[in-house]
Amino acid sequence: MPDAATGDERLHWHGYSYHLDLSGRILADYEPDELEEVRSQIGEPYGVYVSCESMDAARAFLRRVLDGFDGLIDTNHYEILPAHEFLTLLDHHPGWDWRRRPSADLR
């Protein structure tokens, strides 16, 4: 359902609340060289912004929606990872907090 204040989507799922911006506007936050890096890997990007209340909510949502997704995930903490690699890291490190620990520390 759309949020009355922002027009963005709100999702309530499995006891969690999510804010979804499906407009693609998030791409305006990227530097030109970052967008070029993404384009070199996947072609023209389409950005979706997701925010939620906790890491548990984030893990639950991302595990569900990324399964089978062939694209990139920007952790919003200095890393852009292929979706399959992101999910593999979550599987091997269920408590991983990508806000505080870069993926390179897990390998």
PDB file of N, CA and C in Angstrom:
ATOM      1  N   MET A   1       0.841  -1.181   0.000  1.00  0.00           N
ATOM      2  CA  MET A   1       0.000   0.000   0.000  1.00  0.00           C
ATOM      3  C   MET A   1       0.884   1.243   0.000  1.00  0.00           C
ATOM      4  N   PRO A   2       0.517   2.278  -0.721  1.00  0.00           N
ATOM      5  CA  PRO A   2       1.329   3.501  -0.765  1.00  0.00           C
ATOM      6  C   PRO A   2       1.308   4.245   0.567  1.00  0.00           C
ATOM      7  N   ASP A   3       2.443   4.811   0.923  1.00  0.00           N
ATOM      8  CA  ASP A   3       2.561   5.647   2.108  1.00  0.00           C
ATOM      9  C   ASP A   3       1.928   6.996   1.793  1.00  0.00           C
ATOM     10  N   ALA A   4       1.064   7.487   2.655  1.00  0.00           N
ATOM     11  CA  ALA A   4       0.345   8.741   2.397  1.00  0.00           C
ATOM     12  C   ALA A   4       1.292   9.936   2.286  1.00  0.00           C
ATOM     13  N   ALA A   5       2.381   9.937   3.029  1.00  0.00           N
ATOM     14  CA  ALA A   5       3.299  11.081   3.028  1.00  0.00           C
ATOM     15  C   ALA A   5       4.251  11.078   1.843  1.00  0.00           C
ATOM     16  N   THR A   6       4.777   9.903   1.481  1.00  0.00           N
ATOM     17  CA  THR A   6       5.820   9.851   0.447  1.00  0.00           C
ATOM     18  C   THR A   6       5.338   9.322  -0.892  1.00  0.00           C
ATOM     19  N   GLY A   7       4.253   8.575  -0.872  1.00  0.00           N
ATOM     20  CA  GLY A   7       3.800   7.917  -2.097  1.00  0.00           C
ATOM     21  C   GLY A   7       4.533   6.617  -2.359  1.00  0.00           C
ATOM     22  N   ASP A   8       5.574   6.336  -1.574  1.00  0.00           N
ATOM     23  CA  ASP A   8       6.312   5.088  -1.716  1.00  0.00           C
ATOM     24  C   ASP A   8       5.498   3.946  -1.125  1.00  0.00           C
ATOM     25  N   GLU A   9       5.884   2.756  -1.478  1.00  0.00           N
ATOM     26  CA  GLU A   9       5.160   1.576  -1.023  1.00  0.00           C
ATOM     27  C   GLU A   9       5.559   1.190   0.398  1.00  0.00           C
ATOM     28  N   ARG A  10       4.580   0.713   1.151  1.00  0.00           N
ATOM     29  CA  ARG A  10       4.813   0.139   2.477  1.00  0.00           C
ATOM     30  C   ARG A  10       4.373  -1.310   2.398  1.00  0.00           C
ATOM     31  N   LEU A  11       5.166  -2.169   2.979  1.00  0.00           N
ATOM     32  CA  LEU A  11       4.854  -3.588   3.001  1.00  0.00           C
ATOM     33  C   LEU A  11       4.912  -4.064   4.438  1.00  0.00           C
ATOM     34  N   HIS A  12       3.894  -4.776   4.855  1.00  0.00           N
ATOM     35  CA  HIS A  12       3.876  -5.418   6.166  1.00  0.00           C
ATOM     36  C   HIS A  12       3.835  -6.916   5.885  1.00  0.00           C
ATOM     37  N   TRP A  13       4.898  -7.611   6.294  1.00  0.00           N
ATOM     38  CA  TRP A  13       5.053  -9.017   5.931  1.00  0.00           C
ATOM     39  C   TRP A  13       5.720  -9.774   7.071  1.00  0.00           C
ATOM     40  N   HIS A  14       5.125 -10.856   7.503  1.00  0.00           N
ATOM     41  CA  HIS A  14       5.669 -11.724   8.550  1.00  0.00           C
ATOM     42  C   HIS A  14       6.044 -10.945   9.813  1.00  0.00           C
ATOM     43  N   GLY A  15       5.226  -9.976  10.163  1.00  0.00           N
ATOM     44  CA  GLY A  15       5.447  -9.205  11.379  1.00  0.00           C
ATOM     45  C   GLY A  15       6.437  -8.058  11.253  1.00  0.00           C
ATOM     46  N   TYR A  16       6.951  -7.843  10.052  1.00  0.00           N
ATOM     47  CA  TYR A  16       7.911  -6.765   9.817  1.00  0.00           C
ATOM     48  C   TYR A  16       7.281  -5.696   8.925  1.00  0.00           C
ATOM     49  N   SER A  17       7.833  -4.501   9.010  1.00  0.00           N
ATOM     50  CA  SER A  17       7.381  -3.391   8.175  1.00  0.00           C
ATOM     51  C   SER A  17       8.536  -2.936   7.286  1.00  0.00           C
ATOM     52  N   TYR A  18       8.225  -2.703   6.011  1.00  0.00           N
ATOM     53  CA  TYR A  18       9.234  -2.312   5.026  1.00  0.00           C
ATOM     54  C   TYR A  18       8.783  -1.063   4.274  1.00  0.00           C
ATOM     55  N   HIS A  19       9.746  -0.259   3.899  1.00  0.00           N
ATOM     56  CA  HIS A  19       9.528   0.907   3.044  1.00  0.00           C
ATOM     57  C   HIS A  19      10.208   0.580   1.721  1.00  0.00           C
ATOM     58  N   LEU A  20       9.461   0.634   0.632  1.00  0.00           N
ATOM     59  CA  LEU A  20       9.985   0.300  -0.692  1.00  0.00           C
ATOM     60  C   LEU A  20       9.830   1.490  -1.625  1.00  0.00           C
ATOM     61  N   ASP A  21      10.922   1.900  -2.236  1.00  0.00           N
ATOM     62  CA  ASP A  21      10.869   2.926  -3.275  1.00  0.00           C
ATOM     63  C   ASP A  21      11.199   2.228  -4.589  1.00  0.00           C
ATOM     64  N   LEU A  22      10.184   2.020  -5.388  1.00  0.00           N
ATOM     65  CA  LEU A  22      10.328   1.298  -6.656  1.00  0.00           C
ATOM     66  C   LEU A  22      10.514   2.235  -7.837  1.00  0.00           C
ATOM     67  N   SER A  23      10.682   3.526  -7.572  1.00  0.00           N
ATOM     68  CA  SER A  23      10.724   4.536  -8.633  1.00  0.00           C
ATOM     69  C   SER A  23      12.029   4.553  -9.416  1.00  0.00           C
ATOM     70  N   GLY A  24      13.085   3.999  -8.844  1.00  0.00           N
ATOM     71  CA  GLY A  24      14.401   4.089  -9.477  1.00  0.00           C
ATOM     72  C   GLY A  24      15.153   5.357  -9.118  1.00  0.00           C
ATOM     73  N   ARG A  25      14.527   6.248  -8.343  1.00  0.00           N
ATOM     74  CA  ARG A  25      15.169   7.516  -7.962  1.00  0.00           C
ATOM     75  C   ARG A  25      16.476   7.328  -7.204  1.00  0.00           C
ATOM     76  N   ILE A  26      16.643   6.195  -6.561  1.00  0.00           N
ATOM     77  CA  ILE A  26      17.844   5.944  -5.768  1.00  0.00           C
ATOM     78  C   ILE A  26      19.103   6.033  -6.621  1.00  0.00           C
ATOM     79  N   LEU A  27      18.990   5.792  -7.914  1.00  0.00           N
ATOM     80  CA  LEU A  27      20.169   5.846  -8.789  1.00  0.00           C
ATOM     81  C   LEU A  27      20.775   7.244  -8.851  1.00  0.00           C
ATOM     82  N   ALA A  28      19.993   8.270  -8.536  1.00  0.00           N
ATOM     83  CA  ALA A  28      20.517   9.642  -8.519  1.00  0.00           C
ATOM     84  C   ALA A  28      21.555   9.835  -7.413  1.00  0.00           C
ATOM     85  N   ASP A  29      21.574   8.949  -6.427  1.00  0.00           N
ATOM     86  CA  ASP A  29      22.535   9.036  -5.327  1.00  0.00           C
ATOM     87  C   ASP A  29      23.909   8.475  -5.681  1.00  0.00           C
ATOM     88  N   TYR A  30      24.019   7.837  -6.825  1.00  0.00           N
ATOM     89  CA  TYR A  30      25.278   7.205  -7.225  1.00  0.00           C
ATOM     90  C   TYR A  30      26.158   8.169  -8.007  1.00  0.00           C
ATOM     91  N   GLU A  31      27.454   8.021  -7.828  1.00  0.00           N
ATOM     92  CA  GLU A  31      28.429   8.769  -8.618  1.00  0.00           C
ATOM     93  C   GLU A  31      28.474   8.162 -10.021  1.00  0.00           C
ATOM     94  N   PRO A  32      28.810   8.964 -11.034  1.00  0.00           N
ATOM     95  CA  PRO A  32      28.880   8.428 -12.401  1.00  0.00           C
ATOM     96  C   PRO A  32      29.784   7.203 -12.534  1.00  0.00           C
ATOM     97  N   ASP A  33      30.918   7.187 -11.841  1.00  0.00           N
ATOM     98  CA  ASP A  33      31.814   6.030 -11.943  1.00  0.00           C
ATOM     99  C   ASP A  33      31.201   4.781 -11.310  1.00  0.00           C
ATOM    100  N   GLU A  34      30.389   4.955 -10.261  1.00  0.00           N
ATOM    101  CA  GLU A  34      29.702   3.811  -9.654  1.00  0.00           C
ATOM    102  C   GLU A  34      28.680   3.227 -10.622  1.00  0.00           C
ATOM    103  N   LEU A  35      27.921   4.117 -11.269  1.00  0.00           N
ATOM    104  CA  LEU A  35      26.930   3.638 -12.239  1.00  0.00           C
ATOM    105  C   LEU A  35      27.606   2.944 -13.414  1.00  0.00           C
ATOM    106  N   GLU A  36      28.737   3.458 -13.842  1.00  0.00           N
ATOM    107  CA  GLU A  36      29.461   2.827 -14.947  1.00  0.00           C
ATOM    108  C   GLU A  36      29.941   1.433 -14.557  1.00  0.00           C
ATOM    109  N   GLU A  37      30.406   1.292 -13.334  1.00  0.00           N
ATOM    110  CA  GLU A  37      30.819  -0.028 -12.830  1.00  0.00           C
ATOM    111  C   GLU A  37      29.646  -1.007 -12.864  1.00  0.00           C
ATOM    112  N   VAL A  38      28.484  -0.555 -12.404  1.00  0.00           N
ATOM    113  CA  VAL A  38      27.289  -1.402 -12.416  1.00  0.00           C
ATOM    114  C   VAL A  38      26.910  -1.749 -13.853  1.00  0.00           C
ATOM    115  N   ARG A  39      26.900  -0.770 -14.730  1.00  0.00           N
ATOM    116  CA  ARG A  39      26.551  -1.017 -16.138  1.00  0.00           C
ATOM    117  C   ARG A  39      27.487  -2.041 -16.776  1.00  0.00           C
ATOM    118  N   SER A  40      28.758  -1.984 -16.423  1.00  0.00           N
ATOM    119  CA  SER A  40      29.722  -2.919 -17.005  1.00  0.00           C
ATOM    120  C   SER A  40      29.441  -4.356 -16.578  1.00  0.00           C
ATOM    121  N   GLN A  41      28.731  -4.524 -15.467  1.00  0.00           N
ATOM    122  CA  GLN A  41      28.439  -5.866 -14.960  1.00  0.00           C
ATOM    123  C   GLN A  41      27.070  -6.384 -15.382  1.00  0.00           C
ATOM    124  N   ILE A  42      26.074  -5.492 -15.422  1.00  0.00           N
ATOM    125  CA  ILE A  42      24.702  -5.982 -15.666  1.00  0.00           C
ATOM    126  C   ILE A  42      23.941  -5.221 -16.745  1.00  0.00           C
ATOM    127  N   GLY A  43      24.551  -4.234 -17.352  1.00  0.00           N
ATOM    128  CA  GLY A  43      23.813  -3.401 -18.296  1.00  0.00           C
ATOM    129  C   GLY A  43      23.135  -2.260 -17.563  1.00  0.00           C
ATOM    130  N   GLU A  44      22.105  -1.707 -18.157  1.00  0.00           N
ATOM    131  CA  GLU A  44      21.419  -0.551 -17.564  1.00  0.00           C
ATOM    132  C   GLU A  44      20.716  -0.959 -16.266  1.00  0.00           C
ATOM    133  N   PRO A  45      21.058  -0.312 -15.141  1.00  0.00           N
ATOM    134  CA  PRO A  45      20.464  -0.715 -13.864  1.00  0.00           C
ATOM    135  C   PRO A  45      19.076  -0.125 -13.651  1.00  0.00           C
ATOM    136  N   TYR A  46      18.323  -0.808 -12.815  1.00  0.00           N
ATOM    137  CA  TYR A  46      17.078  -0.279 -12.286  1.00  0.00           C
ATOM    138  C   TYR A  46      17.196  -0.385 -10.776  1.00  0.00           C
ATOM    139  N   GLY A  47      17.092   0.722 -10.083  1.00  0.00           N
ATOM    140  CA  GLY A  47      17.302   0.731  -8.641  1.00  0.00           C
ATOM    141  C   GLY A  47      16.018   0.623  -7.851  1.00  0.00           C
ATOM    142  N   VAL A  48      16.056  -0.200  -6.824  1.00  0.00           N
ATOM    143  CA  VAL A  48      14.965  -0.337  -5.860  1.00  0.00           C
ATOM    144  C   VAL A  48      15.572  -0.114  -4.484  1.00  0.00           C
ATOM    145  N   TYR A  49      14.952   0.753  -3.705  1.00  0.00           N
ATOM    146  CA  TYR A  49      15.436   1.048  -2.360  1.00  0.00           C
ATOM    147  C   TYR A  49      14.511   0.375  -1.352  1.00  0.00           C
ATOM    148  N   VAL A  50      15.118  -0.343  -0.404  1.00  0.00           N
ATOM    149  CA  VAL A  50      14.352  -1.024   0.640  1.00  0.00           C
ATOM    150  C   VAL A  50      14.925  -0.616   1.987  1.00  0.00           C
ATOM    151  N   SER A  51      14.069  -0.201   2.887  1.00  0.00           N
ATOM    152  CA  SER A  51      14.504   0.016   4.266  1.00  0.00           C
ATOM    153  C   SER A  51      13.538  -0.719   5.187  1.00  0.00           C
ATOM    154  N   CYS A  52      14.058  -1.099   6.340  1.00  0.00           N
ATOM    155  CA  CYS A  52      13.227  -1.851   7.276  1.00  0.00           C
ATOM    156  C   CYS A  52      13.701  -1.614   8.700  1.00  0.00           C
ATOM    157  N   GLU A  53      13.030  -2.243   9.623  1.00  0.00           N
ATOM    158  CA  GLU A  53      13.211  -1.943  11.037  1.00  0.00           C
ATOM    159  C   GLU A  53      14.374  -2.651  11.711  1.00  0.00           C
ATOM    160  N   SER A  54      14.884  -3.726  11.125  1.00  0.00           N
ATOM    161  CA  SER A  54      15.932  -4.485  11.807  1.00  0.00           C
ATOM    162  C   SER A  54      16.704  -5.348  10.816  1.00  0.00           C
ATOM    163  N   MET A  55      17.840  -5.851  11.264  1.00  0.00           N
ATOM    164  CA  MET A  55      18.613  -6.767  10.431  1.00  0.00           C
ATOM    165  C   MET A  55      17.847  -8.069  10.215  1.00  0.00           C
ATOM    166  N   ASP A  56      17.102  -8.530  11.212  1.00  0.00           N
ATOM    167  CA  ASP A  56      16.297  -9.741  11.031  1.00  0.00           C
ATOM    168  C   ASP A  56      15.270  -9.541   9.924  1.00  0.00           C
ATOM    169  N   ALA A  57      14.641  -8.372   9.914  1.00  0.00           N
ATOM    170  CA  ALA A  57      13.668  -8.055   8.860  1.00  0.00           C
ATOM    171  C   ALA A  57      14.355  -8.019   7.503  1.00  0.00           C
ATOM    172  N   ALA A  58      15.527  -7.404   7.449  1.00  0.00           N
ATOM    173  CA  ALA A  58      16.270  -7.313   6.186  1.00  0.00           C
ATOM    174  C   ALA A  58      16.651  -8.694   5.682  1.00  0.00           C
ATOM    175  N   ARG A  59      17.195  -9.526   6.559  1.00  0.00           N
ATOM    176  CA  ARG A  59      17.598 -10.875   6.145  1.00  0.00           C
ATOM    177  C   ARG A  59      16.407 -11.675   5.632  1.00  0.00           C
ATOM    178  N   ALA A  60      15.286 -11.630   6.347  1.00  0.00           N
ATOM    179  CA  ALA A  60      14.099 -12.389   5.936  1.00  0.00           C
ATOM    180  C   ALA A  60      13.622 -11.944   4.556  1.00  0.00           C
ATOM    181  N   PHE A  61      13.528 -10.653   4.362  1.00  0.00           N
ATOM    182  CA  PHE A  61      13.038 -10.105   3.094  1.00  0.00           C
ATOM    183  C   PHE A  61      13.998 -10.421   1.954  1.00  0.00           C
ATOM    184  N   LEU A  62      15.278 -10.154   2.158  1.00  0.00           N
ATOM    185  CA  LEU A  62      16.250 -10.340   1.081  1.00  0.00           C
ATOM    186  C   LEU A  62      16.401 -11.807   0.702  1.00  0.00           C
ATOM    187  N   ARG A  63      16.370 -12.694   1.675  1.00  0.00           N
ATOM    188  CA  ARG A  63      16.429 -14.127   1.344  1.00  0.00           C
ATOM    189  C   ARG A  63      15.247 -14.514   0.457  1.00  0.00           C
ATOM    190  N   ARG A  64      14.108 -13.961   0.753  1.00  0.00           N
ATOM    191  CA  ARG A  64      12.893 -14.317   0.003  1.00  0.00           C
ATOM    192  C   ARG A  64      12.905 -13.723  -1.402  1.00  0.00           C
ATOM    193  N   VAL A  65      13.202 -12.449  -1.530  1.00  0.00           N
ATOM    194  CA  VAL A  65      13.071 -11.795  -2.841  1.00  0.00           C
ATOM    195  C   VAL A  65      14.285 -11.988  -3.737  1.00  0.00           C
ATOM    196  N   LEU A  66      15.449 -12.280  -3.169  1.00  0.00           N
ATOM    197  CA  LEU A  66      16.642 -12.416  -4.004  1.00  0.00           C
ATOM    198  C   LEU A  66      16.837 -13.816  -4.563  1.00  0.00           C
ATOM    199  N   ASP A  67      16.127 -14.790  -4.042  1.00  0.00           N
ATOM    200  CA  ASP A  67      16.272 -16.151  -4.544  1.00  0.00           C
ATOM    201  C   ASP A  67      15.940 -16.184  -6.034  1.00  0.00           C
ATOM    202  N   GLY A  68      16.910 -16.513  -6.848  1.00  0.00           N
ATOM    203  CA  GLY A  68      16.724 -16.546  -8.296  1.00  0.00           C
ATOM    204  C   GLY A  68      16.962 -15.218  -8.989  1.00  0.00           C
ATOM    205  N   PHE A  69      17.229 -14.157  -8.237  1.00  0.00           N
ATOM    206  CA  PHE A  69      17.470 -12.831  -8.813  1.00  0.00           C
ATOM    207  C   PHE A  69      18.884 -12.769  -9.368  1.00  0.00           C
ATOM    208  N   ASP A  70      19.015 -12.313 -10.589  1.00  0.00           N
ATOM    209  CA  ASP A  70      20.323 -12.172 -11.226  1.00  0.00           C
ATOM    210  C   ASP A  70      20.629 -10.686 -11.337  1.00  0.00           C
ATOM    211  N   GLY A  71      21.259 -10.146 -10.323  1.00  0.00           N
ATOM    212  CA  GLY A  71      21.560  -8.722 -10.307  1.00  0.00           C
ATOM    213  C   GLY A  71      22.547  -8.413  -9.207  1.00  0.00           C
ATOM    214  N   LEU A  72      22.627  -7.151  -8.858  1.00  0.00           N
ATOM    215  CA  LEU A  72      23.572  -6.685  -7.852  1.00  0.00           C
ATOM    216  C   LEU A  72      22.844  -6.127  -6.638  1.00  0.00           C
ATOM    217  N   ILE A  73      23.474  -6.268  -5.487  1.00  0.00           N
ATOM    218  CA  ILE A  73      22.946  -5.740  -4.237  1.00  0.00           C
ATOM    219  C   ILE A  73      23.932  -4.722  -3.697  1.00  0.00           C
ATOM    220  N   ASP A  74      23.459  -3.510  -3.482  1.00  0.00           N
ATOM    221  CA  ASP A  74      24.266  -2.482  -2.835  1.00  0.00           C
ATOM    222  C   ASP A  74      23.903  -2.513  -1.357  1.00  0.00           C
ATOM    223  N   THR A  75      24.855  -2.846  -0.530  1.00  0.00           N
ATOM    224  CA  THR A  75      24.595  -2.947   0.907  1.00  0.00           C
ATOM    225  C   THR A  75      24.396  -1.584   1.559  1.00  0.00           C
ATOM    226  N   ASN A  76      24.665  -0.516   0.812  1.00  0.00           N
ATOM    227  CA  ASN A  76      24.624   0.849   1.325  1.00  0.00           C
ATOM    228  C   ASN A  76      25.719   1.081   2.366  1.00  0.00           C
ATOM    229  N   HIS A  77      26.697   0.181   2.356  1.00  0.00           N
ATOM    230  CA  HIS A  77      27.845   0.285   3.258  1.00  0.00           C
ATOM    231  C   HIS A  77      29.106  -0.081   2.486  1.00  0.00           C
ATOM    232  N   TYR A  78      29.283   0.607   1.359  1.00  0.00           N
ATOM    233  CA  TYR A  78      30.503   0.559   0.550  1.00  0.00           C
ATOM    234  C   TYR A  78      30.722  -0.739  -0.218  1.00  0.00           C
ATOM    235  N   GLU A  79      29.694  -1.542  -0.396  1.00  0.00           N
ATOM    236  CA  GLU A  79      29.855  -2.767  -1.175  1.00  0.00           C
ATOM    237  C   GLU A  79      28.687  -2.959  -2.124  1.00  0.00           C
ATOM    238  N   ILE A  80      29.010  -3.406  -3.310  1.00  0.00           N
ATOM    239  CA  ILE A  80      28.009  -3.837  -4.280  1.00  0.00           C
ATOM    240  C   ILE A  80      28.384  -5.264  -4.651  1.00  0.00           C
ATOM    241  N   LEU A  81      27.490  -6.204  -4.351  1.00  0.00           N
ATOM    242  CA  LEU A  81      27.772  -7.626  -4.525  1.00  0.00           C
ATOM    243  C   LEU A  81      26.761  -8.276  -5.459  1.00  0.00           C
ATOM    244  N   PRO A  82      27.183  -9.294  -6.220  1.00  0.00           N
ATOM    245  CA  PRO A  82      26.207 -10.088  -6.970  1.00  0.00           C
ATOM    246  C   PRO A  82      25.215 -10.721  -5.984  1.00  0.00           C
ATOM    247  N   ALA A  83      23.958 -10.785  -6.367  1.00  0.00           N
ATOM    248  CA  ALA A  83      22.918 -11.302  -5.469  1.00  0.00           C
ATOM    249  C   ALA A  83      23.243 -12.705  -4.977  1.00  0.00           C
ATOM    250  N   HIS A  84      23.718 -13.577  -5.872  1.00  0.00           N
ATOM    251  CA  HIS A  84      24.016 -14.955  -5.458  1.00  0.00           C
ATOM    252  C   HIS A  84      25.134 -14.989  -4.416  1.00  0.00           C
ATOM    253  N   GLU A  85      26.112 -14.103  -4.532  1.00  0.00           N
ATOM    254  CA  GLU A  85      27.201 -14.033  -3.551  1.00  0.00           C
ATOM    255  C   GLU A  85      26.680 -13.508  -2.213  1.00  0.00           C
ATOM    256  N   PHE A  86      25.821 -12.502  -2.268  1.00  0.00           N
ATOM    257  CA  PHE A  86      25.217 -11.950  -1.055  1.00  0.00           C
ATOM    258  C   PHE A  86      24.448 -13.037  -0.308  1.00  0.00           C
ATOM    259  N   LEU A  87      23.628 -13.812  -1.034  1.00  0.00           N
ATOM    260  CA  LEU A  87      22.844 -14.872  -0.397  1.00  0.00           C
ATOM    261  C   LEU A  87      23.738 -15.976   0.154  1.00  0.00           C
ATOM    262  N   THR A  88      24.804 -16.309  -0.552  1.00  0.00           N
ATOM    263  CA  THR A  88      25.742 -17.320  -0.057  1.00  0.00           C
ATOM    264  C   THR A  88      26.369 -16.865   1.254  1.00  0.00           C
ATOM    265  N   LEU A  89      26.741 -15.594   1.320  1.00  0.00           N
ATOM    266  CA  LEU A  89      27.299 -15.055   2.563  1.00  0.00           C
ATOM    267  C   LEU A  89      26.278 -15.130   3.701  1.00  0.00           C
ATOM    268  N   LEU A  90      25.018 -14.826   3.412  1.00  0.00           N
ATOM    269  CA  LEU A  90      23.974 -14.931   4.441  1.00  0.00           C
ATOM    270  C   LEU A  90      23.795 -16.375   4.894  1.00  0.00           C
ATOM    271  N   ASP A  91      23.872 -17.310   3.954  1.00  0.00           N
ATOM    272  CA  ASP A  91      23.724 -18.723   4.314  1.00  0.00           C
ATOM    273  C   ASP A  91      24.874 -19.197   5.204  1.00  0.00           C
ATOM    274  N   HIS A  92      26.089 -18.773   4.880  1.00  0.00           N
ATOM    275  CA  HIS A  92      27.259 -19.214   5.638  1.00  0.00           C
ATOM    276  C   HIS A  92      27.471 -18.428   6.934  1.00  0.00           C
ATOM    277  N   HIS A  93      26.927 -17.237   6.983  1.00  0.00           N
ATOM    278  CA  HIS A  93      27.095 -16.360   8.155  1.00  0.00           C
ATOM    279  C   HIS A  93      25.733 -15.747   8.499  1.00  0.00           C
ATOM    280  N   PRO A  94      24.819 -16.549   9.082  1.00  0.00           N
ATOM    281  CA  PRO A  94      23.441 -16.096   9.307  1.00  0.00           C
ATOM    282  C   PRO A  94      23.305 -14.813  10.120  1.00  0.00           C
ATOM    283  N   GLY A  95      24.246 -14.519  10.979  1.00  0.00           N
ATOM    284  CA  GLY A  95      24.165 -13.305  11.787  1.00  0.00           C
ATOM    285  C   GLY A  95      24.923 -12.128  11.201  1.00  0.00           C
ATOM    286  N   TRP A  96      25.383 -12.271   9.950  1.00  0.00           N
ATOM    287  CA  TRP A  96      26.183 -11.213   9.324  1.00  0.00           C
ATOM    288  C   TRP A  96      25.430  -9.889   9.311  1.00  0.00           C
ATOM    289  N   ASP A  97      26.106  -8.851   9.791  1.00  0.00           N
ATOM    290  CA  ASP A  97      25.573  -7.487   9.755  1.00  0.00           C
ATOM    291  C   ASP A  97      26.440  -6.697   8.777  1.00  0.00           C
ATOM    292  N   TRP A  98      25.984  -6.589   7.543  1.00  0.00           N
ATOM    293  CA  TRP A  98      26.771  -5.942   6.487  1.00  0.00           C
ATOM    294  C   TRP A  98      26.981  -4.456   6.732  1.00  0.00           C
ATOM    295  N   ARG A  99      26.259  -3.891   7.686  1.00  0.00           N
ATOM    296  CA  ARG A  99      26.482  -2.489   8.045  1.00  0.00           C
ATOM    297  C   ARG A  99      27.785  -2.321   8.822  1.00  0.00           C
ATOM    298  N   ARG A 100      28.188  -3.357   9.525  1.00  0.00           N
ATOM    299  CA  ARG A 100      29.333  -3.266  10.431  1.00  0.00           C
ATOM    300  C   ARG A 100      30.540  -4.099  10.008  1.00  0.00           C
ATOM    301  N   ARG A 101      30.312  -5.075   9.132  1.00  0.00           N
ATOM    302  CA  ARG A 101      31.400  -5.982   8.757  1.00  0.00           C
ATOM    303  C   ARG A 101      31.392  -6.202   7.251  1.00  0.00           C
ATOM    304  N   PRO A 102      32.449  -5.779   6.567  1.00  0.00           N
ATOM    305  CA  PRO A 102      32.489  -5.978   5.116  1.00  0.00           C
ATOM    306  C   PRO A 102      32.579  -7.462   4.764  1.00  0.00           C
ATOM    307  N   SER A 103      32.092  -7.798   3.596  1.00  0.00           N
ATOM    308  CA  SER A 103      32.078  -9.195   3.171  1.00  0.00           C
ATOM    309  C   SER A 103      33.480  -9.776   3.081  1.00  0.00           C
ATOM    310  N   ALA A 104      34.477  -8.964   2.766  1.00  0.00           N
ATOM    311  CA  ALA A 104      35.857  -9.457   2.666  1.00  0.00           C
ATOM    312  C   ALA A 104      36.333 -10.054   3.990  1.00  0.00           C
ATOM    313  N   ASP A 105      35.804  -9.575   5.105  1.00  0.00           N
ATOM    314  CA  ASP A 105      36.182 -10.118   6.415  1.00  0.00           C
ATOM    315  C   ASP A 105      35.623 -11.518   6.646  1.00  0.00           C
ATOM    316  N   LEU A 106      34.650 -11.926   5.844  1.00  0.00           N
ATOM    317  CA  LEU A 106      34.005 -13.227   6.024  1.00  0.00           C
ATOM    318  C   LEU A 106      34.672 -14.323   5.204  1.00  0.00           C
ATOM    319  N   ARG A 107      35.481 -13.932   4.269  1.00  0.00           N
ATOM    320  CA  ARG A 107      36.065 -14.918   3.347  1.00  0.00           C
ATOM    321  C   ARG A 107      37.356 -15.468   3.872  1.00  0.00           C
TER     322      ARG A 107
END
